[in-house]
């Protein structure tokens, strides 16, 4: 089940399972292992993270947080000034 969490890969999952045998893991330990916390923070709970979870967010809110923001397009109607000497 831990592999289904976004931001946790196979290598990180194995390290998490091995580390949990000895103590609890926090935000910094997970980040040190290699978990992408930007994606995983909404699907896990630990003391250092805010209490917002996926259950409290709407599907569109989760999508907005996980999908990268699109880059701004340049408007084709925008005037482009060329400052090169063509003479």
N, C-alpha and C. Protein backbone atom coordinates (compact mmCIF):
# COMPACT_ATOMS: atom_id res chain seq x y z
N UNK A 1 0.82 -1.20 0.00
CA UNK A 1 0.00 0.00 0.00
C UNK A 1 0.86 1.26 0.00
N UNK A 2 2.04 1.18 0.54
CA UNK A 2 2.89 2.38 0.64
C UNK A 2 3.36 2.83 -0.75
N UNK A 3 3.43 1.91 -1.70
CA UNK A 3 3.84 2.28 -3.06
C UNK A 3 2.77 3.07 -3.80
N UNK A 4 1.56 3.03 -3.33
CA UNK A 4 0.48 3.77 -3.99
C UNK A 4 0.48 5.25 -3.64
N UNK A 5 1.27 5.64 -2.67
CA UNK A 5 1.37 7.04 -2.27
C UNK A 5 2.23 7.79 -3.29
N UNK A 6 1.70 8.88 -3.87
CA UNK A 6 2.52 9.66 -4.80
C UNK A 6 3.75 10.21 -4.11
N UNK A 7 4.88 10.14 -4.77
CA UNK A 7 6.12 10.65 -4.21
C UNK A 7 6.97 9.62 -3.51
N UNK A 8 6.44 8.39 -3.37
CA UNK A 8 7.20 7.31 -2.74
C UNK A 8 7.44 6.23 -3.78
N UNK A 9 8.70 5.96 -4.06
CA UNK A 9 9.08 4.94 -5.03
C UNK A 9 9.44 3.64 -4.34
N UNK A 10 9.92 2.70 -5.12
CA UNK A 10 10.26 1.38 -4.60
C UNK A 10 11.40 1.46 -3.59
N UNK A 11 12.44 2.20 -3.94
CA UNK A 11 13.60 2.32 -3.06
C UNK A 11 13.22 3.01 -1.74
N UNK A 12 12.44 4.08 -1.84
CA UNK A 12 12.02 4.80 -0.63
C UNK A 12 11.12 3.94 0.23
N UNK A 13 10.22 3.17 -0.40
CA UNK A 13 9.31 2.31 0.36
C UNK A 13 10.08 1.26 1.15
N UNK A 14 11.08 0.67 0.53
CA UNK A 14 11.90 -0.33 1.25
C UNK A 14 12.63 0.29 2.43
N UNK A 15 13.16 1.49 2.23
CA UNK A 15 13.88 2.16 3.32
C UNK A 15 12.92 2.57 4.44
N UNK A 16 11.71 2.97 4.10
CA UNK A 16 10.71 3.34 5.11
C UNK A 16 10.36 2.13 5.95
N UNK A 17 10.11 1.00 5.30
CA UNK A 17 9.75 -0.22 6.03
C UNK A 17 10.88 -0.66 6.95
N UNK A 18 12.11 -0.57 6.47
CA UNK A 18 13.26 -0.96 7.30
C UNK A 18 13.44 0.00 8.47
N UNK A 19 13.23 1.28 8.26
CA UNK A 19 13.43 2.28 9.31
C UNK A 19 12.32 2.25 10.36
N UNK A 20 11.10 1.91 9.94
CA UNK A 20 9.98 1.90 10.89
C UNK A 20 10.10 0.80 11.93
N UNK A 21 10.93 -0.18 11.68
CA UNK A 21 11.12 -1.24 12.67
C UNK A 21 11.78 -0.72 13.93
N UNK A 22 12.53 0.38 13.81
CA UNK A 22 13.29 0.89 14.94
C UNK A 22 12.66 2.12 15.59
N UNK A 23 12.04 3.00 14.81
CA UNK A 23 11.44 4.20 15.38
C UNK A 23 10.45 4.81 14.40
N UNK A 24 9.72 5.80 14.88
CA UNK A 24 8.80 6.53 14.02
C UNK A 24 9.59 7.44 13.10
N UNK A 25 9.02 7.70 11.94
CA UNK A 25 9.66 8.58 10.98
C UNK A 25 8.90 9.90 10.92
N UNK A 26 9.64 10.98 10.85
CA UNK A 26 9.05 12.30 10.72
C UNK A 26 9.30 12.87 9.34
N UNK A 27 8.96 14.13 9.19
CA UNK A 27 9.09 14.84 7.92
C UNK A 27 10.53 14.82 7.43
N UNK A 28 11.47 15.15 8.30
CA UNK A 28 12.86 15.26 7.89
C UNK A 28 13.47 13.90 7.56
N UNK A 29 13.07 12.87 8.29
CA UNK A 29 13.57 11.53 7.99
C UNK A 29 13.06 11.04 6.63
N UNK A 30 11.79 11.31 6.35
CA UNK A 30 11.23 10.90 5.06
C UNK A 30 11.90 11.65 3.91
N UNK A 31 12.14 12.93 4.13
CA UNK A 31 12.80 13.73 3.09
C UNK A 31 14.23 13.24 2.87
N UNK A 32 14.89 12.86 3.94
CA UNK A 32 16.27 12.36 3.85
C UNK A 32 16.31 11.01 3.12
N UNK A 33 15.28 10.20 3.29
CA UNK A 33 15.19 8.92 2.60
C UNK A 33 15.03 9.13 1.09
N UNK A 34 14.35 10.20 0.70
CA UNK A 34 14.17 10.47 -0.73
C UNK A 34 12.72 10.58 -1.15
N UNK A 35 11.81 10.69 -0.19
CA UNK A 35 10.40 10.85 -0.50
C UNK A 35 10.16 12.26 -1.02
N UNK A 36 9.39 12.40 -2.10
CA UNK A 36 9.04 13.71 -2.63
C UNK A 36 7.89 14.24 -1.78
N UNK A 37 8.23 15.07 -0.80
CA UNK A 37 7.25 15.51 0.18
C UNK A 37 6.19 16.44 -0.40
N UNK A 38 6.50 17.12 -1.48
CA UNK A 38 5.51 18.00 -2.11
C UNK A 38 4.28 17.20 -2.55
N UNK A 39 4.51 15.98 -3.01
CA UNK A 39 3.41 15.14 -3.45
C UNK A 39 2.86 14.28 -2.32
N UNK A 40 3.73 13.76 -1.47
CA UNK A 40 3.34 12.78 -0.47
C UNK A 40 2.68 13.39 0.76
N UNK A 41 2.88 14.67 1.03
CA UNK A 41 2.41 15.26 2.28
C UNK A 41 0.90 15.20 2.45
N UNK A 42 0.15 15.09 1.38
CA UNK A 42 -1.31 15.05 1.48
C UNK A 42 -1.83 13.64 1.73
N UNK A 43 -0.97 12.65 1.66
CA UNK A 43 -1.38 11.26 1.80
C UNK A 43 -0.81 10.59 3.04
N UNK A 44 0.05 11.29 3.78
CA UNK A 44 0.66 10.72 4.98
C UNK A 44 0.41 11.65 6.16
N UNK A 45 0.58 11.11 7.35
CA UNK A 45 0.46 11.92 8.56
C UNK A 45 1.73 11.76 9.39
N UNK A 46 2.24 12.87 9.88
CA UNK A 46 3.34 12.87 10.84
C UNK A 46 3.26 14.19 11.60
N UNK A 47 3.99 14.28 12.69
CA UNK A 47 3.85 15.41 13.61
C UNK A 47 4.22 16.75 12.99
N UNK A 48 5.19 16.77 12.08
CA UNK A 48 5.67 18.04 11.53
C UNK A 48 4.80 18.60 10.42
N UNK A 49 3.92 17.78 9.86
CA UNK A 49 3.10 18.23 8.73
C UNK A 49 1.78 18.82 9.22
N UNK A 50 1.22 19.77 8.46
CA UNK A 50 -0.11 20.27 8.80
C UNK A 50 -1.13 19.14 8.66
N UNK A 51 -2.28 19.31 9.27
CA UNK A 51 -3.26 18.23 9.32
C UNK A 51 -4.13 18.13 8.08
N UNK A 52 -3.87 18.92 7.03
CA UNK A 52 -4.64 18.80 5.80
C UNK A 52 -4.30 17.49 5.11
N UNK A 53 -5.30 16.69 4.87
CA UNK A 53 -5.10 15.42 4.18
C UNK A 53 -6.01 15.36 2.97
N UNK A 54 -5.88 14.30 2.22
CA UNK A 54 -6.69 14.12 1.02
C UNK A 54 -8.17 14.03 1.38
N UNK A 55 -8.48 13.46 2.52
CA UNK A 55 -9.88 13.31 2.92
C UNK A 55 -10.55 14.66 3.13
N UNK A 56 -9.78 15.68 3.45
CA UNK A 56 -10.35 17.01 3.69
C UNK A 56 -10.39 17.86 2.43
N UNK A 57 -9.72 17.44 1.37
CA UNK A 57 -9.68 18.21 0.13
C UNK A 57 -10.63 17.61 -0.89
N UNK A 58 -11.08 18.45 -1.80
CA UNK A 58 -11.90 17.98 -2.91
C UNK A 58 -10.98 17.41 -3.99
N UNK A 59 -11.51 16.59 -4.89
CA UNK A 59 -10.66 16.06 -5.97
C UNK A 59 -10.01 17.15 -6.82
N UNK A 60 -10.72 18.23 -7.06
CA UNK A 60 -10.12 19.31 -7.85
C UNK A 60 -9.01 19.99 -7.07
N UNK A 61 -9.15 20.08 -5.76
CA UNK A 61 -8.10 20.67 -4.93
C UNK A 61 -6.84 19.83 -4.93
N UNK A 62 -7.01 18.52 -4.86
CA UNK A 62 -5.85 17.62 -4.90
C UNK A 62 -5.17 17.71 -6.26
N UNK A 63 -5.96 17.73 -7.33
CA UNK A 63 -5.41 17.83 -8.68
C UNK A 63 -4.63 19.13 -8.84
N UNK A 64 -5.17 20.22 -8.33
CA UNK A 64 -4.52 21.52 -8.44
C UNK A 64 -3.18 21.53 -7.69
N UNK A 65 -3.11 20.82 -6.58
CA UNK A 65 -1.87 20.78 -5.79
C UNK A 65 -0.80 19.88 -6.41
N UNK A 66 -1.21 18.82 -7.10
CA UNK A 66 -0.25 17.85 -7.60
C UNK A 66 0.19 18.09 -9.03
N UNK A 67 -0.69 18.64 -9.86
CA UNK A 67 -0.35 18.86 -11.27
C UNK A 67 0.46 20.15 -11.39
N UNK A 68 1.56 20.11 -12.13
CA UNK A 68 2.35 21.34 -12.28
C UNK A 68 1.56 22.43 -12.98
N UNK A 69 1.84 23.66 -12.60
CA UNK A 69 1.13 24.78 -13.19
C UNK A 69 1.58 24.97 -14.64
N UNK A 70 0.62 25.23 -15.54
CA UNK A 70 1.00 25.44 -16.94
C UNK A 70 1.77 26.74 -17.11
N UNK A 71 2.69 26.72 -18.07
CA UNK A 71 3.46 27.93 -18.35
C UNK A 71 2.58 28.92 -19.10
N UNK A 72 2.86 30.19 -18.90
CA UNK A 72 2.08 31.23 -19.57
C UNK A 72 2.38 31.22 -21.06
N UNK A 73 1.33 31.36 -21.83
CA UNK A 73 1.49 31.45 -23.28
C UNK A 73 1.72 32.90 -23.67
N UNK A 74 2.46 33.09 -24.73
CA UNK A 74 2.66 34.42 -25.27
C UNK A 74 1.50 34.68 -26.23
N UNK A 75 0.87 35.80 -26.06
CA UNK A 75 -0.26 36.17 -26.92
C UNK A 75 0.26 36.49 -28.32
N UNK A 76 -0.35 35.87 -29.33
CA UNK A 76 0.09 36.10 -30.71
C UNK A 76 -0.15 37.54 -31.15
N UNK A 77 -1.08 38.21 -30.52
CA UNK A 77 -1.40 39.59 -30.90
C UNK A 77 -0.44 40.58 -30.26
N UNK A 78 0.43 40.11 -29.39
CA UNK A 78 1.36 41.00 -28.70
C UNK A 78 2.42 41.51 -29.68
N UNK A 79 2.73 42.79 -29.59
CA UNK A 79 3.71 43.42 -30.46
C UNK A 79 5.11 43.03 -30.02
N UNK A 80 5.93 42.58 -30.98
CA UNK A 80 7.31 42.21 -30.70
C UNK A 80 8.20 43.24 -31.37
N UNK A 81 9.06 43.86 -30.59
CA UNK A 81 9.97 44.88 -31.11
C UNK A 81 11.34 44.28 -31.34
N UNK A 82 11.83 44.41 -32.55
CA UNK A 82 13.18 43.93 -32.88
C UNK A 82 14.12 45.13 -32.87
N UNK A 83 15.15 45.08 -32.08
CA UNK A 83 16.10 46.17 -31.96
C UNK A 83 17.42 45.85 -32.66
N UNK A 84 17.37 45.10 -33.73
CA UNK A 84 18.58 44.79 -34.48
C UNK A 84 18.67 45.72 -35.69
N UNK A 85 19.88 45.99 -36.11
CA UNK A 85 20.09 46.86 -37.27
C UNK A 85 20.02 46.01 -38.54
N UNK A 86 19.06 46.30 -39.36
CA UNK A 86 18.91 45.57 -40.62
C UNK A 86 19.46 46.37 -41.80
N UNK A 87 20.09 47.50 -41.56
CA UNK A 87 20.56 48.36 -42.64
C UNK A 87 21.92 47.98 -43.11
